[in-house]
Amino acid sequence: MTHPIIRDLNARYTTKKYDPNQRISDEDMAVICQALRMSASSINSQPWKFIIIASDAAKQRFHDTFANMYQFNQPHAKEASHTVLLAYDPHFTKDKYAKRVDVEVTSGHLPKDMYDNMMGAYAFAEANTDAQGNNASWTKAQVYIALGNILHTLARLGIDSTPMEGVDPDLIGEAFKDELDGHVCQVALAMGYHLPTADYNHGLPKARLALKDVVVTL
């Protein structure tokens, strides 16, 4: 199939080695940041923070979080052009949701007289909140919607990427405590341009199950 979307997805792959001398342009980074912001989420909850690792100092802080585990991902911390820490709010309260509904009104998306109806949608979050107010399993799921969105955005821009669940949430939580502001990072995304002489995963054919095995049309 030659559709541009399919071409994007065929070109996208998990980069194993980055060229540390190539950097994503400011123009492309502006697109990436807006794409993250525009990601979909259940009830428009947006229970996330996206921390962009760009400077050498920030890269060193991220590099140091691999001290205890997942050292196979550690080189990406410094060699990738940028990394995004995708973090979720484990205690997404009704008051926090109200701020999102306020924006629904001020943006002109939601009529003022529909405010209470929209607030009622918080029931989706409540259904996934325990007695201690923790709804991490639900808010973490929203982060993966954003991850999928940004993977395709990067493919369209011709930028390589590496999704990493192999990160240490505890050390990231310590190293980026102020920036995370109570959010939790369990997945990160390295971004940049592969090193042709060392990236063994580049250019290999896709390995996917047959369409009939994964898509059922009724």
C-alpha atoms as a PDB file:
ATOM      1  CA  MET A   1       0.000   0.000   0.000  1.00  0.00           C
ATOM      2  CA  THR A   2       1.359   3.418  -0.975  1.00  0.00           C
ATOM      3  CA  HIS A   3      -0.791   5.683   1.199  1.00  0.00           C
ATOM      4  CA  PRO A   4       1.360   8.293   3.021  1.00  0.00           C
ATOM      5  CA  ILE A   5       0.195   7.073   6.455  1.00  0.00           C
ATOM      6  CA  ILE A   6       1.280   3.511   5.658  1.00  0.00           C
ATOM      7  CA  ARG A   7       4.568   4.769   4.252  1.00  0.00           C
ATOM      8  CA  ASP A   8       5.144   6.631   7.532  1.00  0.00           C
ATOM      9  CA  LEU A   9       4.435   3.536   9.595  1.00  0.00           C
ATOM     10  CA  ASN A  10       6.602   1.319   7.409  1.00  0.00           C
ATOM     11  CA  ALA A  11       9.489   3.755   7.755  1.00  0.00           C
ATOM     12  CA  ARG A  12       9.175   4.025  11.536  1.00  0.00           C
ATOM     13  CA  TYR A  13      11.249   1.608  13.600  1.00  0.00           C
ATOM     14  CA  THR A  14      12.961   1.404  16.985  1.00  0.00           C
ATOM     15  CA  THR A  15      16.340   3.071  16.639  1.00  0.00           C
ATOM     16  CA  LYS A  16      19.211   1.305  18.372  1.00  0.00           C
ATOM     17  CA  LYS A  17      22.051   3.783  17.835  1.00  0.00           C
ATOM     18  CA  TYR A  18      21.891   7.560  17.427  1.00  0.00           C
ATOM     19  CA  ASP A  19      24.224  10.004  15.752  1.00  0.00           C
ATOM     20  CA  PRO A  20      25.123  12.388  18.602  1.00  0.00           C
ATOM     21  CA  ASN A  21      26.153  15.061  16.102  1.00  0.00           C
ATOM     22  CA  GLN A  22      22.715  15.425  14.541  1.00  0.00           C
ATOM     23  CA  ARG A  23      20.112  17.555  16.289  1.00  0.00           C
ATOM     24  CA  ILE A  24      16.404  18.041  15.686  1.00  0.00           C
ATOM     25  CA  SER A  25      15.700  21.550  14.437  1.00  0.00           C
ATOM     26  CA  ASP A  26      13.879  24.082  16.576  1.00  0.00           C
ATOM     27  CA  GLU A  27      11.112  24.159  13.957  1.00  0.00           C
ATOM     28  CA  ASP A  28      10.541  20.408  14.189  1.00  0.00           C
ATOM     29  CA  MET A  29      10.709  20.508  17.985  1.00  0.00           C
ATOM     30  CA  ALA A  30       7.953  23.125  17.972  1.00  0.00           C
ATOM     31  CA  VAL A  31       5.789  20.731  15.934  1.00  0.00           C
ATOM     32  CA  ILE A  32       6.606  17.854  18.292  1.00  0.00           C
ATOM     33  CA  CYS A  33       5.682  19.871  21.386  1.00  0.00           C
ATOM     34  CA  GLN A  34       2.385  20.967  19.863  1.00  0.00           C
ATOM     35  CA  ALA A  35       1.633  17.385  18.789  1.00  0.00           C
ATOM     36  CA  LEU A  36       2.159  16.220  22.373  1.00  0.00           C
ATOM     37  CA  ARG A  37      -0.146  18.984  23.608  1.00  0.00           C
ATOM     38  CA  MET A  38      -2.822  18.041  21.052  1.00  0.00           C
ATOM     39  CA  SER A  39      -2.862  14.343  21.981  1.00  0.00           C
ATOM     40  CA  ALA A  40      -6.220  12.786  22.749  1.00  0.00           C
ATOM     41  CA  SER A  41      -7.187  11.583  26.228  1.00  0.00           C
ATOM     42  CA  SER A  42     -10.264  10.108  27.853  1.00  0.00           C
ATOM     43  CA  ILE A  43     -12.759  12.872  28.802  1.00  0.00           C
ATOM     44  CA  ASN A  44     -10.063  15.326  27.683  1.00  0.00           C
ATOM     45  CA  SER A  45      -8.415  14.684  31.045  1.00  0.00           C
ATOM     46  CA  GLN A  46      -4.841  15.440  29.898  1.00  0.00           C
ATOM     47  CA  PRO A  47      -3.444  13.922  33.134  1.00  0.00           C
ATOM     48  CA  TRP A  48       0.157  14.264  32.048  1.00  0.00           C
ATOM     49  CA  LYS A  49       3.378  16.210  31.851  1.00  0.00           C
ATOM     50  CA  PHE A  50       5.928  15.944  29.051  1.00  0.00           C
ATOM     51  CA  ILE A  51       9.485  16.775  30.089  1.00  0.00           C
ATOM     52  CA  ILE A  52      11.768  17.512  27.124  1.00  0.00           C
ATOM     53  CA  ILE A  53      15.402  16.549  27.714  1.00  0.00           C
ATOM     54  CA  ALA A  54      17.373  18.868  25.422  1.00  0.00           C
ATOM     55  CA  SER A  55      20.406  20.424  27.140  1.00  0.00           C
ATOM     56  CA  ASP A  56      23.637  18.619  27.966  1.00  0.00           C
ATOM     57  CA  ALA A  57      22.951  19.177  31.664  1.00  0.00           C
ATOM     58  CA  ALA A  58      19.506  17.595  31.429  1.00  0.00           C
ATOM     59  CA  LYS A  59      20.917  14.713  29.393  1.00  0.00           C
ATOM     60  CA  GLN A  60      23.475  14.063  32.136  1.00  0.00           C
ATOM     61  CA  ARG A  61      20.707  14.010  34.763  1.00  0.00           C
ATOM     62  CA  PHE A  62      18.754  11.513  32.681  1.00  0.00           C
ATOM     63  CA  HIS A  63      21.897   9.462  31.980  1.00  0.00           C
ATOM     64  CA  ASP A  64      22.487   9.140  35.720  1.00  0.00           C
ATOM     65  CA  THR A  65      19.029   7.588  36.262  1.00  0.00           C
ATOM     66  CA  PHE A  66      20.284   4.388  34.609  1.00  0.00           C
ATOM     67  CA  ALA A  67      22.664   3.685  37.507  1.00  0.00           C
ATOM     68  CA  ASN A  68      20.732   0.664  38.754  1.00  0.00           C
ATOM     69  CA  MET A  69      19.035  -0.875  35.723  1.00  0.00           C
ATOM     70  CA  TYR A  70      18.324  -0.813  31.987  1.00  0.00           C
ATOM     71  CA  GLN A  71      21.854   0.227  31.081  1.00  0.00           C
ATOM     72  CA  PHE A  72      21.206  -0.922  27.486  1.00  0.00           C
ATOM     73  CA  ASN A  73      19.110   2.235  27.072  1.00  0.00           C
ATOM     74  CA  GLN A  74      21.624   4.519  28.791  1.00  0.00           C
ATOM     75  CA  PRO A  75      23.548   5.551  25.633  1.00  0.00           C
ATOM     76  CA  HIS A  76      20.366   7.086  24.198  1.00  0.00           C
ATOM     77  CA  ALA A  77      20.314   9.558  27.085  1.00  0.00           C
ATOM     78  CA  LYS A  78      23.283  11.455  25.662  1.00  0.00           C
ATOM     79  CA  GLU A  79      23.411  10.375  22.015  1.00  0.00           C
ATOM     80  CA  ALA A  80      19.795  11.085  21.061  1.00  0.00           C
ATOM     81  CA  SER A  81      19.038  14.657  20.065  1.00  0.00           C
ATOM     82  CA  HIS A  82      16.177  14.933  22.562  1.00  0.00           C
ATOM     83  CA  THR A  83      14.238  12.661  24.901  1.00  0.00           C
ATOM     84  CA  VAL A  84      10.687  13.073  26.140  1.00  0.00           C
ATOM     85  CA  LEU A  85       9.737  11.862  29.604  1.00  0.00           C
ATOM     86  CA  LEU A  86       6.043  10.996  29.381  1.00  0.00           C
ATOM     87  CA  ALA A  87       4.667  11.264  32.905  1.00  0.00           C
ATOM     88  CA  TYR A  88       1.206  10.650  34.340  1.00  0.00           C
ATOM     89  CA  ASP A  89      -0.594  12.040  37.380  1.00  0.00           C
ATOM     90  CA  PRO A  90      -1.301   9.145  39.795  1.00  0.00           C
ATOM     91  CA  HIS A  91      -3.792  11.241  41.786  1.00  0.00           C
ATOM     92  CA  PHE A  92      -5.941  12.974  39.187  1.00  0.00           C
ATOM     93  CA  THR A  93      -8.631  14.688  41.264  1.00  0.00           C
ATOM     94  CA  LYS A  94     -11.953  16.235  40.341  1.00  0.00           C
ATOM     95  CA  ASP A  95     -10.531  19.677  41.093  1.00  0.00           C
ATOM     96  CA  LYS A  96      -7.772  19.072  38.557  1.00  0.00           C
ATOM     97  CA  TYR A  97     -10.333  17.940  36.012  1.00  0.00           C
ATOM     98  CA  ALA A  98     -12.324  21.125  36.614  1.00  0.00           C
ATOM     99  CA  LYS A  99      -9.374  23.128  35.283  1.00  0.00           C
ATOM    100  CA  ARG A 100      -9.652  21.197  32.011  1.00  0.00           C
ATOM    101  CA  VAL A 101     -13.383  21.855  31.830  1.00  0.00           C
ATOM    102  CA  ASP A 102     -12.704  25.555  32.463  1.00  0.00           C
ATOM    103  CA  VAL A 103     -10.533  25.520  29.324  1.00  0.00           C
ATOM    104  CA  GLU A 104     -13.320  23.754  27.444  1.00  0.00           C
ATOM    105  CA  VAL A 105     -15.490  26.806  28.145  1.00  0.00           C
ATOM    106  CA  THR A 106     -12.894  29.557  27.625  1.00  0.00           C
ATOM    107  CA  SER A 107     -11.793  28.010  24.312  1.00  0.00           C
ATOM    108  CA  GLY A 108     -15.349  28.159  23.022  1.00  0.00           C
ATOM    109  CA  HIS A 109     -15.538  24.375  22.684  1.00  0.00           C
ATOM    110  CA  LEU A 110     -18.108  23.921  25.480  1.00  0.00           C
ATOM    111  CA  PRO A 111     -21.162  26.134  26.083  1.00  0.00           C
ATOM    112  CA  LYS A 112     -21.229  27.487  29.644  1.00  0.00           C
ATOM    113  CA  ASP A 113     -24.567  25.856  30.344  1.00  0.00           C
ATOM    114  CA  MET A 114     -22.999  22.437  29.619  1.00  0.00           C
ATOM    115  CA  TYR A 115     -20.309  22.840  32.310  1.00  0.00           C
ATOM    116  CA  ASP A 116     -21.982  20.588  34.899  1.00  0.00           C
ATOM    117  CA  ASN A 117     -22.674  17.930  32.289  1.00  0.00           C
ATOM    118  CA  MET A 118     -19.009  17.877  31.322  1.00  0.00           C
ATOM    119  CA  MET A 119     -17.959  17.655  34.956  1.00  0.00           C
ATOM    120  CA  GLY A 120     -20.095  14.545  35.214  1.00  0.00           C
ATOM    121  CA  ALA A 121     -17.654  12.811  32.886  1.00  0.00           C
ATOM    122  CA  TYR A 122     -15.219  12.632  35.804  1.00  0.00           C
ATOM    123  CA  ALA A 123     -17.135   9.468  36.682  1.00  0.00           C
ATOM    124  CA  PHE A 124     -14.788   7.676  34.263  1.00  0.00           C
ATOM    125  CA  ALA A 125     -11.862   8.641  36.490  1.00  0.00           C
ATOM    126  CA  GLU A 126     -13.758   7.864  39.699  1.00  0.00           C
ATOM    127  CA  ALA A 127     -14.469   4.364  38.425  1.00  0.00           C
ATOM    128  CA  ASN A 128     -10.715   3.816  38.290  1.00  0.00           C
ATOM    129  CA  THR A 129      -9.805   5.524  41.576  1.00  0.00           C
ATOM    130  CA  ASP A 130      -9.108   3.522  44.734  1.00  0.00           C
ATOM    131  CA  ALA A 131      -9.864   4.445  48.343  1.00  0.00           C
ATOM    132  CA  GLN A 132      -6.517   6.272  48.604  1.00  0.00           C
ATOM    133  CA  GLY A 133      -7.314   8.456  45.597  1.00  0.00           C
ATOM    134  CA  ASN A 134      -4.923   6.642  43.296  1.00  0.00           C
ATOM    135  CA  ASN A 135      -5.966   6.307  39.656  1.00  0.00           C
ATOM    136  CA  ALA A 136      -2.536   5.669  38.160  1.00  0.00           C
ATOM    137  CA  SER A 137      -3.622   2.710  36.025  1.00  0.00           C
ATOM    138  CA  TRP A 138      -6.142   4.954  34.242  1.00  0.00           C
ATOM    139  CA  THR A 139      -3.950   8.038  33.855  1.00  0.00           C
ATOM    140  CA  LYS A 140      -0.968   5.961  32.711  1.00  0.00           C
ATOM    141  CA  ALA A 141      -3.139   4.596  29.902  1.00  0.00           C
ATOM    142  CA  GLN A 142      -3.697   8.141  28.662  1.00  0.00           C
ATOM    143  CA  VAL A 143       0.066   8.671  28.369  1.00  0.00           C
ATOM    144  CA  TYR A 144       0.285   5.781  25.915  1.00  0.00           C
ATOM    145  CA  ILE A 145      -2.247   7.489  23.659  1.00  0.00           C
ATOM    146  CA  ALA A 146       0.132  10.450  23.540  1.00  0.00           C
ATOM    147  CA  LEU A 147       3.066   8.114  22.891  1.00  0.00           C
ATOM    148  CA  GLY A 148       1.321   6.582  19.877  1.00  0.00           C
ATOM    149  CA  ASN A 149       0.466  10.016  18.558  1.00  0.00           C
ATOM    150  CA  ILE A 150       4.008  11.313  18.814  1.00  0.00           C
ATOM    151  CA  LEU A 151       5.505   8.188  17.219  1.00  0.00           C
ATOM    152  CA  HIS A 152       3.528   8.860  14.056  1.00  0.00           C
ATOM    153  CA  THR A 153       4.334  12.569  14.212  1.00  0.00           C
ATOM    154  CA  LEU A 154       8.040  11.745  14.285  1.00  0.00           C
ATOM    155  CA  ALA A 155       7.678   9.312  11.392  1.00  0.00           C
ATOM    156  CA  ARG A 156       6.004  12.023   9.330  1.00  0.00           C
ATOM    157  CA  LEU A 157       8.861  14.415  10.156  1.00  0.00           C
ATOM    158  CA  GLY A 158      11.497  11.825   9.227  1.00  0.00           C
ATOM    159  CA  ILE A 159      12.845  11.723  12.782  1.00  0.00           C
ATOM    160  CA  ASP A 160      13.967   8.449  14.367  1.00  0.00           C
ATOM    161  CA  SER A 161      12.790   7.348  17.803  1.00  0.00           C
ATOM    162  CA  THR A 162      13.078   4.745  20.534  1.00  0.00           C
ATOM    163  CA  PRO A 163      10.217   4.132  23.005  1.00  0.00           C
ATOM    164  CA  MET A 164      11.714   3.094  26.339  1.00  0.00           C
ATOM    165  CA  GLU A 165       9.823   1.394  29.125  1.00  0.00           C
ATOM    166  CA  GLY A 166      13.279   0.387  30.287  1.00  0.00           C
ATOM    167  CA  VAL A 167      13.699   3.392  32.553  1.00  0.00           C
ATOM    168  CA  ASP A 168      13.902   3.725  36.332  1.00  0.00           C
ATOM    169  CA  PRO A 169      10.817   5.593  37.625  1.00  0.00           C
ATOM    170  CA  ASP A 170      12.284   5.993  41.093  1.00  0.00           C
ATOM    171  CA  LEU A 171      15.550   7.603  40.003  1.00  0.00           C
ATOM    172  CA  ILE A 172      13.769   9.695  37.388  1.00  0.00           C
ATOM    173  CA  GLY A 173      11.398  10.806  40.127  1.00  0.00           C
ATOM    174  CA  GLU A 174      14.350  11.933  42.229  1.00  0.00           C
ATOM    175  CA  ALA A 175      16.361  13.541  39.427  1.00  0.00           C
ATOM    176  CA  PHE A 176      13.407  15.449  37.966  1.00  0.00           C
ATOM    177  CA  LYS A 177      11.310  15.913  41.087  1.00  0.00           C
ATOM    178  CA  ASP A 178      10.678  19.626  40.579  1.00  0.00           C
ATOM    179  CA  GLU A 179       9.790  19.303  36.910  1.00  0.00           C
ATOM    180  CA  LEU A 180       7.534  16.275  37.402  1.00  0.00           C
ATOM    181  CA  ASP A 181       5.573  17.961  40.213  1.00  0.00           C
ATOM    182  CA  GLY A 182       4.081  14.715  41.515  1.00  0.00           C
ATOM    183  CA  HIS A 183       3.792  13.016  38.121  1.00  0.00           C
ATOM    184  CA  VAL A 184       5.358   9.613  37.472  1.00  0.00           C
ATOM    185  CA  CYS A 185       7.460   8.659  34.448  1.00  0.00           C
ATOM    186  CA  GLN A 186       7.537   4.998  33.450  1.00  0.00           C
ATOM    187  CA  VAL A 187       8.125   5.472  29.737  1.00  0.00           C
ATOM    188  CA  ALA A 188      10.417   7.786  27.773  1.00  0.00           C
ATOM    189  CA  LEU A 189      10.964   8.438  24.079  1.00  0.00           C
ATOM    190  CA  ALA A 190      14.405   9.087  22.622  1.00  0.00           C
ATOM    191  CA  MET A 191      14.364  11.109  19.391  1.00  0.00           C
ATOM    192  CA  GLY A 192      16.963  12.026  16.815  1.00  0.00           C
ATOM    193  CA  TYR A 193      18.734  10.521  13.811  1.00  0.00           C
ATOM    194  CA  HIS A 194      20.215   7.044  13.601  1.00  0.00           C
ATOM    195  CA  LEU A 195      23.900   6.365  13.099  1.00  0.00           C
ATOM    196  CA  PRO A 196      23.989   4.399   9.804  1.00  0.00           C
ATOM    197  CA  THR A 197      27.201   2.545  10.552  1.00  0.00           C
ATOM    198  CA  ALA A 198      26.022   1.210  13.917  1.00  0.00           C
ATOM    199  CA  ASP A 199      22.219   0.947  13.931  1.00  0.00           C
ATOM    200  CA  TYR A 200      21.603  -2.719  13.150  1.00  0.00           C
ATOM    201  CA  ASN A 201      17.829  -2.286  13.258  1.00  0.00           C
ATOM    202  CA  HIS A 202      17.592   0.264  10.448  1.00  0.00           C
ATOM    203  CA  GLY A 203      16.185  -0.805   7.093  1.00  0.00           C
ATOM    204  CA  LEU A 204      14.965  -4.234   8.144  1.00  0.00           C
ATOM    205  CA  PRO A 205      11.551  -5.415   6.889  1.00  0.00           C
ATOM    206  CA  LYS A 206       8.534  -5.051   9.172  1.00  0.00           C
ATOM    207  CA  ALA A 207       7.590  -8.119  11.212  1.00  0.00           C
ATOM    208  CA  ARG A 208       3.858  -7.933  11.826  1.00  0.00           C
ATOM    209  CA  LEU A 209       1.112 -10.525  12.075  1.00  0.00           C
ATOM    210  CA  ALA A 210      -1.099 -10.873   9.009  1.00  0.00           C
ATOM    211  CA  LEU A 211      -3.945  -8.369   8.741  1.00  0.00           C
ATOM    212  CA  LYS A 212      -6.548 -11.143   9.008  1.00  0.00           C
ATOM    213  CA  ASP A 213      -5.057 -12.208  12.357  1.00  0.00           C
ATOM    214  CA  VAL A 214      -5.410  -8.819  14.035  1.00  0.00           C
ATOM    215  CA  VAL A 215      -8.269  -6.973  12.319  1.00  0.00           C
ATOM    216  CA  VAL A 216     -11.792  -8.373  12.356  1.00  0.00           C
ATOM    217  CA  THR A 217     -14.463  -6.655  10.275  1.00  0.00           C
ATOM    218  CA  LEU A 218     -18.063  -7.523  11.184  1.00  0.00           C
END
